[in-house]
Amino acid sequence: MAKGKWGKALALGGLLSLGIWLLWQMGLALLAVRSVLPGSALLPGQWAGAFLAAFVGSRFAARRGGLGTLVAALAAAAVFAGMAALLGFLMFGELGFSGQGLGALAGMGLGGLAAGLLPLGGKRRKKATGRKGRR
């Protein structure tokens, strides 16, 4: 994306994170209903899903944002956290931050931070040899 399209990249990164996180939640619910996953493992699984979703969405935004890598990744993680909070407010009619919610929020922030600190690893260019016509 062009340098002026950073808002679209952040919104798409947040939506991608939200979609991954919702799919992760549905998978955890299915595993819990089928008794494959014990109830004590649901909370760490939700935190891991928040981290993974924020990481993927933040990497997407960092590659396409035109901002700095760390700034774009953290901004996309903040957009994801805001969308998740808005979704929770629309579903339950209130916002309550208990230990479980703060753990998911920390997972979102750490996922964005990890995505911003890792190098993007773009295309590597070959060095010129200095002589024309030589391979």
Protein backbone atom coordinates (compact mmCIF):
# COMPACT_ATOMS: atom_id res chain seq x y z
CA MET A 1 0.00 0.00 0.00
CA ALA A 2 1.10 3.55 -0.51
CA LYS A 3 2.37 5.64 2.36
CA GLY A 4 -0.94 7.49 2.71
CA LYS A 5 -2.96 4.27 3.09
CA TRP A 6 -1.85 3.41 6.62
CA GLY A 7 -5.37 3.76 8.07
CA LYS A 8 -6.73 1.12 5.72
CA ALA A 9 -3.84 -1.21 6.55
CA LEU A 10 -4.44 -0.81 10.29
CA ALA A 11 -8.17 -1.45 9.91
CA LEU A 12 -7.56 -4.54 7.78
CA GLY A 13 -4.94 -5.81 10.23
CA GLY A 14 -7.39 -5.34 13.11
CA LEU A 15 -10.17 -7.11 11.22
CA LEU A 16 -7.83 -9.97 10.30
CA SER A 17 -6.85 -10.31 13.97
CA LEU A 18 -10.47 -10.25 15.07
CA GLY A 19 -11.41 -12.92 12.52
CA ILE A 20 -8.55 -15.21 13.58
CA TRP A 21 -9.39 -14.68 17.23
CA LEU A 22 -13.08 -15.51 16.73
CA LEU A 23 -12.20 -18.67 14.80
CA TRP A 24 -9.78 -19.62 17.58
CA GLN A 25 -12.56 -19.11 20.16
CA MET A 26 -14.92 -21.33 18.19
CA GLY A 27 -12.25 -24.01 17.96
CA LEU A 28 -11.63 -23.87 21.70
CA ALA A 29 -15.36 -24.13 22.35
CA LEU A 30 -15.61 -27.16 20.08
CA LEU A 31 -12.68 -28.84 21.81
CA ALA A 32 -14.22 -28.13 25.22
CA VAL A 33 -17.64 -29.48 24.22
CA ARG A 34 -16.09 -32.64 22.80
CA SER A 35 -14.14 -33.08 26.07
CA VAL A 36 -10.83 -33.02 24.24
CA LEU A 37 -9.61 -29.95 26.12
CA PRO A 38 -10.08 -29.73 29.90
CA GLY A 39 -11.75 -26.65 31.34
CA SER A 40 -8.55 -25.56 33.09
CA ALA A 41 -6.81 -25.20 29.72
CA LEU A 42 -9.40 -22.84 28.22
CA LEU A 43 -8.04 -19.65 29.77
CA PRO A 44 -4.41 -20.14 28.62
CA GLY A 45 -5.79 -21.19 25.25
CA GLN A 46 -7.72 -17.92 24.97
CA TRP A 47 -4.61 -15.94 25.87
CA ALA A 48 -2.56 -17.83 23.29
CA GLY A 49 -5.26 -17.17 20.69
CA ALA A 50 -5.20 -13.44 21.45
CA PHE A 51 -1.41 -13.41 21.09
CA LEU A 52 -1.46 -15.34 17.82
CA ALA A 53 -4.24 -13.26 16.30
CA ALA A 54 -2.58 -9.97 17.26
CA PHE A 55 0.75 -11.21 15.90
CA VAL A 56 -0.67 -12.17 12.50
CA GLY A 57 -2.79 -9.04 12.09
CA SER A 58 0.05 -6.78 13.24
CA ARG A 59 2.50 -8.36 10.80
CA PHE A 60 -0.03 -7.75 8.03
CA ALA A 61 -0.40 -4.09 9.00
CA ALA A 62 3.35 -3.61 9.44
CA ARG A 63 4.07 -4.88 5.93
CA ARG A 64 1.42 -2.74 4.27
CA GLY A 65 1.10 0.29 6.54
CA GLY A 66 3.86 2.59 5.36
CA LEU A 67 4.50 3.53 9.00
CA GLY A 68 7.41 2.16 10.94
CA THR A 69 7.29 -1.54 11.72
CA LEU A 70 6.88 -1.17 15.48
CA VAL A 71 4.42 1.72 15.25
CA ALA A 72 2.20 -0.05 12.72
CA ALA A 73 2.26 -3.34 14.63
CA LEU A 74 1.36 -1.75 17.96
CA ALA A 75 -1.33 0.40 16.34
CA ALA A 76 -2.87 -2.66 14.68
CA ALA A 77 -2.84 -4.48 18.03
CA ALA A 78 -4.58 -1.48 19.63
CA VAL A 79 -7.19 -1.50 16.85
CA PHE A 80 -7.73 -5.21 17.47
CA ALA A 81 -8.11 -4.65 21.22
CA GLY A 82 -10.60 -1.86 20.57
CA MET A 83 -12.62 -4.01 18.19
CA ALA A 84 -12.65 -6.88 20.70
CA ALA A 85 -13.79 -4.51 23.47
CA LEU A 86 -16.50 -3.09 21.22
CA LEU A 87 -17.67 -6.59 20.33
CA GLY A 88 -17.79 -7.54 24.00
CA PHE A 89 -19.73 -4.39 24.83
CA LEU A 90 -22.24 -5.05 22.06
CA MET A 91 -22.72 -8.64 23.20
CA PHE A 92 -22.90 -8.15 26.97
CA GLY A 93 -23.89 -4.49 27.37
CA GLU A 94 -21.00 -3.64 29.70
CA LEU A 95 -17.24 -3.66 29.87
CA GLY A 96 -15.67 -5.44 32.81
CA PHE A 97 -11.96 -6.02 33.15
CA SER A 98 -11.29 -9.02 35.33
CA GLY A 99 -8.16 -11.15 35.42
CA GLN A 100 -9.24 -13.09 32.35
CA GLY A 101 -9.84 -9.98 30.27
CA LEU A 102 -6.56 -8.41 31.30
CA GLY A 103 -4.73 -11.60 30.30
CA ALA A 104 -6.28 -11.47 26.83
CA LEU A 105 -5.45 -7.75 26.61
CA ALA A 106 -1.85 -8.51 27.57
CA GLY A 107 -1.73 -11.25 24.93
CA MET A 108 -2.93 -8.77 22.31
CA GLY A 109 -0.32 -6.21 23.32
CA LEU A 110 2.49 -8.75 23.43
CA GLY A 111 1.48 -10.13 20.03
CA GLY A 112 1.68 -6.64 18.54
CA LEU A 113 5.01 -6.00 20.25
CA ALA A 114 6.48 -9.28 19.01
CA ALA A 115 5.28 -8.55 15.48
CA GLY A 116 6.84 -5.10 15.59
CA LEU A 117 10.19 -6.22 16.95
CA LEU A 118 10.76 -9.03 14.45
CA PRO A 119 12.27 -7.95 11.13
CA LEU A 120 9.93 -8.02 8.15
CA GLY A 121 12.32 -9.98 5.95
CA GLY A 122 11.57 -8.40 2.60
CA LYS A 123 13.10 -9.28 -0.73
CA ARG A 124 16.88 -9.38 -0.79
CA ARG A 125 18.59 -7.71 -3.69
CA LYS A 126 21.71 -8.99 -5.33
CA LYS A 127 24.79 -6.83 -5.10
CA ALA A 128 26.14 -5.38 -8.31
CA THR A 129 29.52 -6.81 -9.34
CA GLY A 130 30.80 -3.52 -10.69
CA ARG A 131 31.42 -4.77 -14.22
CA LYS A 132 28.81 -4.66 -16.91
CA GLY A 133 28.02 -7.82 -18.79
CA ARG A 134 29.52 -10.11 -16.20
CA ARG A 135 27.37 -12.58 -14.25
